[in-house]
Amino acid sequence: MQPEQLHLIRRWVSKAEEDYRNAEFVLTLEKDCPLSTICFHSQQCVEKYLKALLISCSLPVPSSHDLLDFTIGFRLTAASNCPVWTSRP
């Protein structure tokens, strides 16, 4: 893996974890918890982790925010060829 590729992966994972922490924090508001904010940060978290996965497999990252674009593209082009995916037990 190229150093710039690893740098991008780390950036996307870091950003995904920020969104996760935001959603987790908003959940602590309990009764006054704005559900749309939790949904937004949760979607953003998943999107950023998927971007990191695609980059780790040397696949293009869609400019879309539609999670289906990420997952369909990954399944069609990489599921059997991605070292990250195939190295899982």
C-alpha atoms as a PDB file:
ATOM      1  CA  MET A   1       0.000   0.000   0.000  1.00  0.00           C
ATOM      2  CA  GLN A   2       1.303   3.431  -0.925  1.00  0.00           C
ATOM      3  CA  PRO A   3       1.997   5.976   1.865  1.00  0.00           C
ATOM      4  CA  GLU A   4      -0.478   8.486   0.397  1.00  0.00           C
ATOM      5  CA  GLN A   5      -3.131   5.761   0.229  1.00  0.00           C
ATOM      6  CA  LEU A   6      -2.536   4.879   3.876  1.00  0.00           C
ATOM      7  CA  HIS A   7      -2.712   8.574   4.794  1.00  0.00           C
ATOM      8  CA  LEU A   8      -6.114   8.922   3.083  1.00  0.00           C
ATOM      9  CA  ILE A   9      -7.419   5.807   4.807  1.00  0.00           C
ATOM     10  CA  ARG A  10      -6.351   7.123   8.195  1.00  0.00           C
ATOM     11  CA  ARG A  11      -7.985  10.497   7.497  1.00  0.00           C
ATOM     12  CA  TRP A  12     -11.314   8.907   6.522  1.00  0.00           C
ATOM     13  CA  VAL A  13     -11.269   6.576   9.537  1.00  0.00           C
ATOM     14  CA  SER A  14     -10.499   9.503  11.841  1.00  0.00           C
ATOM     15  CA  LYS A  15     -13.371  11.517  10.369  1.00  0.00           C
ATOM     16  CA  ALA A  16     -15.700   8.502  10.658  1.00  0.00           C
ATOM     17  CA  GLU A  17     -14.816   8.126  14.317  1.00  0.00           C
ATOM     18  CA  GLU A  18     -15.571  11.812  14.915  1.00  0.00           C
ATOM     19  CA  ASP A  19     -19.047  11.324  13.455  1.00  0.00           C
ATOM     20  CA  TYR A  20     -19.516   8.227  15.607  1.00  0.00           C
ATOM     21  CA  ARG A  21     -18.536  10.161  18.743  1.00  0.00           C
ATOM     22  CA  ASN A  22     -20.927  12.967  17.796  1.00  0.00           C
ATOM     23  CA  ALA A  23     -23.832  10.553  17.381  1.00  0.00           C
ATOM     24  CA  GLU A  24     -22.915   8.818  20.624  1.00  0.00           C
ATOM     25  CA  PHE A  25     -22.786  12.124  22.503  1.00  0.00           C
ATOM     26  CA  VAL A  26     -26.132  13.333  21.170  1.00  0.00           C
ATOM     27  CA  LEU A  27     -27.679  10.075  22.400  1.00  0.00           C
ATOM     28  CA  THR A  28     -26.772  11.107  25.947  1.00  0.00           C
ATOM     29  CA  LEU A  29     -29.333  13.922  25.690  1.00  0.00           C
ATOM     30  CA  GLU A  30     -31.989  11.208  26.130  1.00  0.00           C
ATOM     31  CA  LYS A  31     -35.427  12.884  26.147  1.00  0.00           C
ATOM     32  CA  ASP A  32     -34.292  15.971  24.202  1.00  0.00           C
ATOM     33  CA  CYS A  33     -32.223  13.933  21.781  1.00  0.00           C
ATOM     34  CA  PRO A  34     -32.586  15.147  18.155  1.00  0.00           C
ATOM     35  CA  LEU A  35     -32.912  11.879  16.248  1.00  0.00           C
ATOM     36  CA  SER A  36     -32.219  13.471  12.881  1.00  0.00           C
ATOM     37  CA  THR A  37     -28.786  14.552  14.124  1.00  0.00           C
ATOM     38  CA  ILE A  38     -27.986  11.009  15.230  1.00  0.00           C
ATOM     39  CA  CYS A  39     -29.114   9.662  11.857  1.00  0.00           C
ATOM     40  CA  PHE A  40     -27.019  12.235  10.011  1.00  0.00           C
ATOM     41  CA  HIS A  41     -23.827  11.481  11.929  1.00  0.00           C
ATOM     42  CA  SER A  42     -24.434   7.726  11.728  1.00  0.00           C
ATOM     43  CA  GLN A  43     -24.821   7.887   7.948  1.00  0.00           C
ATOM     44  CA  GLN A  44     -21.720  10.060   7.663  1.00  0.00           C
ATOM     45  CA  CYS A  45     -19.768   7.619   9.827  1.00  0.00           C
ATOM     46  CA  VAL A  46     -20.683   4.644   7.629  1.00  0.00           C
ATOM     47  CA  GLU A  47     -19.966   6.610   4.450  1.00  0.00           C
ATOM     48  CA  LYS A  48     -16.481   7.563   5.643  1.00  0.00           C
ATOM     49  CA  TYR A  49     -15.630   4.020   6.735  1.00  0.00           C
ATOM     50  CA  LEU A  50     -16.760   2.780   3.319  1.00  0.00           C
ATOM     51  CA  LYS A  51     -14.553   5.379   1.621  1.00  0.00           C
ATOM     52  CA  ALA A  52     -11.605   4.102   3.658  1.00  0.00           C
ATOM     53  CA  LEU A  53     -12.442   0.527   2.631  1.00  0.00           C
ATOM     54  CA  LEU A  54     -12.670   1.424  -1.054  1.00  0.00           C
ATOM     55  CA  ILE A  55      -9.346   3.278  -0.906  1.00  0.00           C
ATOM     56  CA  SER A  56      -7.727   0.314   0.845  1.00  0.00           C
ATOM     57  CA  CYS A  57      -8.873  -1.848  -2.082  1.00  0.00           C
ATOM     58  CA  SER A  58      -7.580   0.689  -4.623  1.00  0.00           C
ATOM     59  CA  LEU A  59     -11.098   1.313  -5.888  1.00  0.00           C
ATOM     60  CA  PRO A  60     -12.575   4.647  -6.950  1.00  0.00           C
ATOM     61  CA  VAL A  61     -14.561   6.510  -4.322  1.00  0.00           C
ATOM     62  CA  PRO A  62     -17.972   7.691  -5.556  1.00  0.00           C
ATOM     63  CA  SER A  63     -18.728  11.382  -5.144  1.00  0.00           C
ATOM     64  CA  SER A  64     -22.185  10.364  -3.967  1.00  0.00           C
ATOM     65  CA  HIS A  65     -23.571  10.348  -0.446  1.00  0.00           C
ATOM     66  CA  ASP A  66     -25.766   7.349  -1.258  1.00  0.00           C
ATOM     67  CA  LEU A  67     -24.547   4.354   0.738  1.00  0.00           C
ATOM     68  CA  LEU A  68     -25.910   2.022  -1.937  1.00  0.00           C
ATOM     69  CA  ASP A  69     -23.476   3.535  -4.453  1.00  0.00           C
ATOM     70  CA  PHE A  70     -20.623   2.537  -2.176  1.00  0.00           C
ATOM     71  CA  THR A  71     -21.802  -0.955  -1.345  1.00  0.00           C
ATOM     72  CA  ILE A  72     -22.947  -1.930  -4.835  1.00  0.00           C
ATOM     73  CA  GLY A  73     -19.711  -0.704  -6.378  1.00  0.00           C
ATOM     74  CA  PHE A  74     -17.706  -2.611  -3.810  1.00  0.00           C
ATOM     75  CA  ARG A  75     -19.645  -5.847  -4.207  1.00  0.00           C
ATOM     76  CA  LEU A  76     -19.452  -5.743  -7.985  1.00  0.00           C
ATOM     77  CA  THR A  77     -15.764  -4.964  -8.329  1.00  0.00           C
ATOM     78  CA  ALA A  78     -13.857  -5.982  -5.240  1.00  0.00           C
ATOM     79  CA  ALA A  79     -15.405  -8.541  -2.970  1.00  0.00           C
ATOM     80  CA  SER A  80     -13.141 -11.327  -4.190  1.00  0.00           C
ATOM     81  CA  ASN A  81     -10.063  -9.220  -5.033  1.00  0.00           C
ATOM     82  CA  CYS A  82      -9.669  -6.853  -2.102  1.00  0.00           C
ATOM     83  CA  PRO A  83      -6.841  -7.913   0.237  1.00  0.00           C
ATOM     84  CA  VAL A  84      -8.591  -6.277   3.187  1.00  0.00           C
ATOM     85  CA  TRP A  85     -11.787  -8.205   2.493  1.00  0.00           C
ATOM     86  CA  THR A  86     -10.246 -11.572   1.643  1.00  0.00           C
ATOM     87  CA  SER A  87      -7.849 -11.602   4.610  1.00  0.00           C
ATOM     88  CA  ARG A  88     -10.707 -11.759   7.117  1.00  0.00           C
ATOM     89  CA  PRO A  89     -11.058 -15.116   8.958  1.00  0.00           C
END
